[in-house]
Amino acid sequence: MSALKERLLTNWDLMRIVRLAIGLWLGVQAVMQMDIFISLFSAFFLYQAITGTGCCGAAACYSPPAKKVNSKIQDIEYEEVK
């Protein structure tokens, strides 16, 4: 259970908070309007906020950081074309 607790309580960034706010707002609207369709959207956003996933899933859109290129400049030989 500690892994679940850690996942729920850590790594809260701005987008995760926004997803939670949208999910809660849609949930309130779904109850007020008694609409199942809105409640499905609410559940979708709340699921993303609680689990820390986005539309890409669990880091499926991860791209590794750029590697530093060797800063040594090599001499380039040019050949004139006529």
Protein backbone atom coordinates (compact mmCIF):
# COMPACT_ATOMS: atom_id res chain seq x y z
CA MET A 1 0.00 0.00 0.00
CA SER A 2 2.92 2.38 0.44
CA ALA A 3 3.45 2.56 -3.34
CA LEU A 4 -0.18 3.59 -3.84
CA LYS A 5 0.05 6.14 -1.03
CA GLU A 6 3.28 7.53 -2.48
CA ARG A 7 1.74 7.82 -5.94
CA LEU A 8 -1.29 9.67 -4.60
CA LEU A 9 0.60 12.10 -2.40
CA THR A 10 3.67 12.98 -4.49
CA ASN A 11 4.48 14.61 -7.86
CA TRP A 12 1.56 17.05 -7.88
CA ASP A 13 2.29 19.50 -10.67
CA LEU A 14 0.14 22.23 -12.20
CA MET A 15 -1.53 20.01 -14.82
CA ARG A 16 -2.46 17.39 -12.23
CA ILE A 17 -4.09 20.06 -10.07
CA VAL A 18 -5.90 21.46 -13.12
CA ARG A 19 -7.21 17.98 -13.99
CA LEU A 20 -8.44 17.57 -10.41
CA ALA A 21 -10.20 20.96 -10.50
CA ILE A 22 -11.83 20.19 -13.87
CA GLY A 23 -12.93 16.77 -12.64
CA LEU A 24 -14.45 18.18 -9.46
CA TRP A 25 -16.19 21.00 -11.35
CA LEU A 26 -17.61 18.58 -13.91
CA GLY A 27 -18.71 16.26 -11.10
CA VAL A 28 -20.66 19.05 -9.41
CA GLN A 29 -22.22 20.02 -12.75
CA ALA A 30 -23.16 16.39 -13.45
CA VAL A 31 -24.94 16.12 -10.11
CA MET A 32 -26.71 19.47 -10.55
CA GLN A 33 -27.88 18.66 -14.08
CA MET A 34 -28.32 14.92 -13.47
CA ASP A 35 -26.35 14.14 -16.63
CA ILE A 36 -24.53 10.83 -17.12
CA PHE A 37 -22.43 12.09 -20.04
CA ILE A 38 -20.87 14.88 -17.97
CA SER A 39 -20.23 12.45 -15.12
CA LEU A 40 -18.21 10.24 -17.48
CA PHE A 41 -15.99 13.20 -18.37
CA SER A 42 -15.69 14.00 -14.68
CA ALA A 43 -14.63 10.43 -13.90
CA PHE A 44 -12.07 10.59 -16.72
CA PHE A 45 -10.44 13.77 -15.39
CA LEU A 46 -10.56 12.58 -11.79
CA TYR A 47 -8.93 9.28 -12.77
CA GLN A 48 -6.13 11.16 -14.52
CA ALA A 49 -5.61 13.45 -11.53
CA ILE A 50 -5.66 10.72 -8.89
CA THR A 51 -3.39 8.29 -10.71
CA GLY A 52 -1.04 10.95 -12.07
CA THR A 53 -1.50 9.92 -15.68
CA GLY A 54 -2.28 12.06 -18.65
CA CYS A 55 -3.57 11.38 -22.10
CA CYS A 56 -0.28 9.68 -22.88
CA GLY A 57 -0.62 7.14 -20.08
CA ALA A 58 2.14 6.46 -17.60
CA ALA A 59 5.01 8.36 -19.25
CA ALA A 60 4.30 6.91 -22.68
CA CYS A 61 5.29 10.21 -24.30
CA TYR A 62 8.64 10.31 -22.55
CA SER A 63 11.53 11.62 -24.59
CA PRO A 64 15.01 11.41 -23.13
CA PRO A 65 16.86 14.65 -22.42
CA ALA A 66 19.15 15.87 -25.17
CA LYS A 67 22.70 14.67 -24.89
CA LYS A 68 25.45 17.23 -24.84
CA VAL A 69 27.34 17.38 -28.10
CA ASN A 70 31.10 17.36 -27.99
CA SER A 71 32.05 21.04 -27.90
CA LYS A 72 35.34 20.45 -29.71
CA ILE A 73 35.20 22.03 -33.15
CA GLN A 74 36.71 19.93 -35.89
CA ASP A 75 38.43 21.36 -38.93
CA ILE A 76 36.34 20.88 -42.03
CA GLU A 77 37.96 20.69 -45.43
CA TYR A 78 36.07 22.19 -48.33
CA GLU A 79 36.51 21.42 -51.99
CA GLU A 80 35.59 24.06 -54.53
CA VAL A 81 33.23 22.84 -57.22
CA LYS A 82 33.25 24.64 -60.60
